[in-house]
Protein backbone atom coordinates (compact mmCIF):
# COMPACT_ATOMS: atom_id res chain seq x y z
CA MET A 1 -39.36 15.18 58.35
CA SER A 2 -40.15 18.82 59.27
CA THR A 3 -40.44 21.57 56.68
CA ASN A 4 -37.45 23.42 58.16
CA LEU A 5 -35.30 20.30 57.98
CA LYS A 6 -36.30 19.72 54.37
CA VAL A 7 -35.38 23.31 53.47
CA THR A 8 -32.06 23.03 55.29
CA LEU A 9 -31.17 19.80 53.52
CA GLY A 10 -32.17 21.30 50.20
CA VAL A 11 -29.93 24.32 50.73
CA LEU A 12 -27.03 22.06 51.71
CA ALA A 13 -27.56 19.91 48.61
CA VAL A 14 -27.49 22.95 46.33
CA ALA A 15 -24.39 24.29 48.05
CA LEU A 16 -22.66 20.94 47.68
CA ALA A 17 -23.57 20.79 43.99
CA VAL A 18 -22.10 24.24 43.44
CA VAL A 19 -18.86 23.31 45.20
CA VAL A 20 -18.55 20.08 43.21
CA GLY A 21 -19.25 21.97 40.01
CA VAL A 22 -16.53 24.51 40.78
CA VAL A 23 -14.04 21.73 41.52
CA VAL A 24 -14.92 19.92 38.29
CA VAL A 25 -14.59 23.11 36.25
CA ASN A 26 -11.26 23.94 37.87
CA ARG A 27 -9.97 20.43 37.25
CA THR A 28 -11.12 20.59 33.65
CA GLY A 29 -9.43 23.94 33.21
CA ASP A 30 -6.21 22.65 34.74
CA THR A 31 -6.33 19.61 32.47
CA THR A 32 -6.79 21.81 29.43
CA VAL A 33 -3.82 23.95 30.39
CA ALA A 34 -1.69 20.90 31.14
CA ALA A 35 -2.66 19.31 27.83
CA SER A 36 -1.80 22.51 25.98
CA GLU A 37 1.61 22.67 27.64
CA ALA A 38 2.29 19.02 26.91
CA LEU A 39 1.33 19.37 23.26
CA VAL A 40 3.86 22.00 22.23
CA ARG A 41 6.86 22.83 24.36
CA ALA A 42 9.16 25.82 23.95
CA ASP A 43 11.83 23.52 22.51
CA SER A 44 9.52 21.52 20.25
CA HIS A 45 10.71 21.29 16.67
CA ARG A 46 8.69 23.51 14.36
CA LEU A 47 9.02 22.88 10.64
CA SER A 48 6.96 26.00 9.97
CA SER A 49 5.49 28.76 12.11
CA ALA A 50 2.35 30.76 11.30
CA ALA A 51 2.61 34.43 12.20
CA ASP A 52 -0.97 34.49 13.48
CA GLY A 53 -0.56 31.20 15.36
CA LYS A 54 -4.07 30.26 14.31
CA THR A 55 -3.59 26.74 12.94
CA THR A 56 -1.15 24.38 14.61
CA VAL A 57 -0.58 20.79 13.54
CA VAL A 58 1.37 18.52 15.88
CA GLU A 59 2.57 15.10 14.81
CA PHE A 60 3.88 12.47 17.21
CA LEU A 61 5.98 10.17 15.06
CA ASP A 62 8.42 7.29 14.92
CA PHE A 63 10.93 7.44 12.07
CA GLU A 64 10.84 3.64 11.72
CA CYS A 65 7.04 3.45 11.63
CA GLU A 66 5.65 2.31 8.27
CA SER A 67 2.40 4.20 8.86
CA CYS A 68 4.40 7.37 9.48
CA LEU A 69 6.21 6.77 6.22
CA ALA A 70 2.85 6.31 4.47
CA ALA A 71 1.67 9.66 5.89
CA TYR A 72 4.93 11.46 5.09
CA PRO A 73 4.32 12.29 1.37
CA GLY A 74 0.93 13.81 2.19
CA VAL A 75 2.42 15.79 5.06
CA GLU A 76 5.17 17.13 2.82
CA GLN A 77 2.62 18.08 0.15
CA LEU A 78 0.55 19.93 2.74
CA ARG A 79 3.61 21.72 4.11
CA ALA A 80 4.53 22.82 0.61
CA GLU A 81 1.00 24.10 -0.05
CA TYR A 82 0.39 25.90 3.23
CA GLY A 83 3.90 27.01 4.11
CA ASP A 84 3.88 29.51 6.95
CA ARG A 85 0.10 29.71 7.00
CA ILE A 86 0.26 26.86 9.51
CA THR A 87 2.56 25.91 12.37
CA TYR A 88 3.81 22.35 11.94
CA VAL A 89 5.35 20.70 14.99
CA VAL A 90 7.13 17.34 15.16
CA ARG A 91 7.32 15.37 18.42
CA TYR A 92 9.27 12.17 19.03
CA PHE A 93 7.38 9.00 19.95
CA PRO A 94 9.68 6.05 19.19
CA ILE A 95 8.08 2.62 19.48
CA ALA A 96 10.20 0.23 21.54
CA SER A 97 9.41 -2.75 19.30
CA HIS A 98 11.06 -1.01 16.34
CA PRO A 99 14.75 -1.92 16.57
CA ASN A 100 16.16 1.41 15.39
CA ALA A 101 13.39 3.82 16.36
CA TYR A 102 15.42 5.28 19.20
CA ASN A 103 18.64 5.40 17.16
CA ALA A 104 16.78 7.35 14.48
CA ALA A 105 15.30 9.74 17.03
CA TYR A 106 18.74 10.28 18.58
CA ALA A 107 20.11 11.03 15.10
CA ALA A 108 17.36 13.57 14.41
CA GLU A 109 17.88 15.30 17.75
CA ALA A 110 21.66 15.33 17.34
CA ALA A 111 21.18 16.91 13.93
CA ALA A 112 18.80 19.45 15.47
CA ARG A 113 21.59 20.55 17.78
CA GLN A 114 23.51 21.58 14.69
CA GLY A 115 20.52 23.28 13.07
CA ARG A 116 19.70 20.41 10.71
CA PHE A 117 16.59 18.81 12.18
CA GLU A 118 14.42 19.21 9.10
CA GLN A 119 17.12 17.87 6.81
CA MET A 120 17.61 14.77 8.97
CA TYR A 121 13.84 14.36 9.35
CA LYS A 122 13.52 14.18 5.57
CA LYS A 123 16.57 11.97 5.14
CA LEU A 124 15.30 9.40 7.63
CA PHE A 125 11.92 9.10 5.95
CA ASP A 126 13.30 9.22 2.42
CA THR A 127 15.56 6.27 3.21
CA GLN A 128 13.43 4.35 5.72
CA THR A 129 12.93 1.39 3.39
CA THR A 130 16.70 0.82 3.32
CA TRP A 131 17.41 0.93 7.06
CA GLY A 132 14.06 0.30 8.70
CA HIS A 133 13.20 -2.92 10.56
CA ASN A 134 16.78 -4.09 10.49
CA GLN A 135 17.67 -5.89 13.72
CA GLN A 136 21.24 -4.63 13.59
CA SER A 137 22.01 -1.13 14.83
CA GLN A 138 21.86 1.46 12.05
CA ALA A 139 23.85 4.03 14.03
CA SER A 140 26.68 3.98 11.49
CA VAL A 141 24.17 4.54 8.68
CA PHE A 142 22.84 7.59 10.49
CA GLU A 143 26.37 8.86 11.00
CA GLY A 144 26.76 8.61 7.24
CA TYR A 145 23.65 10.74 6.82
CA ALA A 146 25.11 13.29 9.22
CA GLU A 147 28.24 13.48 7.10
CA GLU A 148 26.14 13.87 3.92
CA LEU A 149 24.29 16.75 5.56
CA GLY A 150 27.55 18.49 6.37
CA LEU A 151 27.38 18.02 10.12
CA ASP A 152 30.32 17.85 12.49
CA VAL A 153 30.31 14.07 12.82
CA THR A 154 32.42 14.01 15.99
CA ARG A 155 29.96 16.33 17.69
CA PHE A 156 27.04 14.40 16.19
CA ARG A 157 28.36 11.11 17.58
CA ALA A 158 28.83 12.65 21.04
CA ASP A 159 25.33 14.12 21.03
CA VAL A 160 23.76 10.82 19.95
CA ALA A 161 25.36 9.15 22.98
CA SER A 162 24.54 11.95 25.43
CA ALA A 163 22.08 11.81 28.31
CA GLU A 164 20.70 15.18 27.21
CA VAL A 165 19.54 13.81 23.87
CA ALA A 166 18.10 10.68 25.46
CA ASP A 167 16.23 12.83 27.99
CA ARG A 168 14.88 15.02 25.21
CA ILE A 169 13.44 12.02 23.37
CA GLU A 170 11.93 10.60 26.57
CA ALA A 171 10.37 13.98 27.42
CA ASP A 172 8.54 14.05 24.09
CA ALA A 173 7.39 10.45 24.54
CA ALA A 174 6.17 11.21 28.07
CA ASP A 175 4.14 14.15 26.77
CA GLY A 176 2.64 11.88 24.15
CA GLN A 177 1.67 9.31 26.74
CA ALA A 178 0.10 12.01 28.91
CA LEU A 179 -1.96 13.09 25.91
CA GLY A 180 -3.14 9.55 25.25
CA VAL A 181 -0.91 8.81 22.27
CA GLN A 182 -0.71 5.06 21.80
CA GLY A 183 0.64 4.69 18.29
CA THR A 184 2.11 6.63 15.42
CA PRO A 185 1.47 8.78 13.59
CA THR A 186 -0.86 10.66 15.93
CA PHE A 187 -1.88 14.16 14.88
CA PHE A 188 -3.37 17.03 16.85
CA ILE A 189 -4.86 20.05 15.09
CA ASP A 190 -5.40 23.15 17.21
CA GLY A 191 -5.18 21.07 20.35
CA GLU A 192 -7.72 18.49 19.27
CA ARG A 193 -6.73 14.95 18.44
CA PHE A 194 -7.26 14.22 14.76
CA ASP A 195 -9.06 10.89 14.37
CA GLY A 196 -9.57 10.93 10.61
CA ARG A 197 -7.42 9.23 7.99
CA PRO A 198 -3.84 10.51 8.37
CA ASP A 199 -3.42 11.14 4.66
CA TYR A 200 -3.33 14.22 2.46
CA ASN A 201 -7.10 14.52 1.98
CA GLY A 202 -8.02 13.85 5.58
CA LEU A 203 -5.50 16.29 7.02
CA LYS A 204 -6.23 18.93 4.38
CA THR A 205 -9.93 18.91 5.24
CA ALA A 206 -9.16 19.47 8.92
CA ILE A 207 -6.57 22.17 8.21
CA ASP A 208 -8.90 24.03 5.86
CA ALA A 209 -11.64 23.92 8.48
CA SER A 210 -9.26 25.45 11.00
CA LEU A 211 -8.03 28.17 8.64
CA ASN A 212 -11.57 29.10 7.62
CA SER A 213 -13.07 29.12 11.11
């Protein structure tokens, strides 16, 4: 092989490496943007919002999930402690094997459409042991909760049965799947998946690290 040919091939190899590198960087950047958009949407339910937007916790949950119920007291304690110092976002991720996971999500979203998402969120977890893992539909139970919360039950019932509410739940679940969520609860803190123990101490450590960074 001549010296000129070697030089030419070397230049081509470097050029190819640069092009590949640019493509990889661009793809990585696009993935990051897409992941960010999928994590928190404009219509995502925020239980608190930090003015500085520095620390954001996102939870993909299933109201019938026992592990979500186990995490719930710690989450509520953290929300009480940190208040509006953090943004706390709830996303739907109902598990199909849970008989009333979708009914519960529909109830929460229907309540949200009357400005009562947080109240229904709490009610569903506070009472999960009474309605959860029951093979019969608990839709009437959730209607009772809506009445207790002072909602327009006729409107609530219509929203629960609407395509718009079903689409809203599916959109959250699709975002979760795109982000690699496979079970609940799954937490993300500042865009990074939290892989520690989903309890008070584990989440607090990660939140404190974010606030102090």
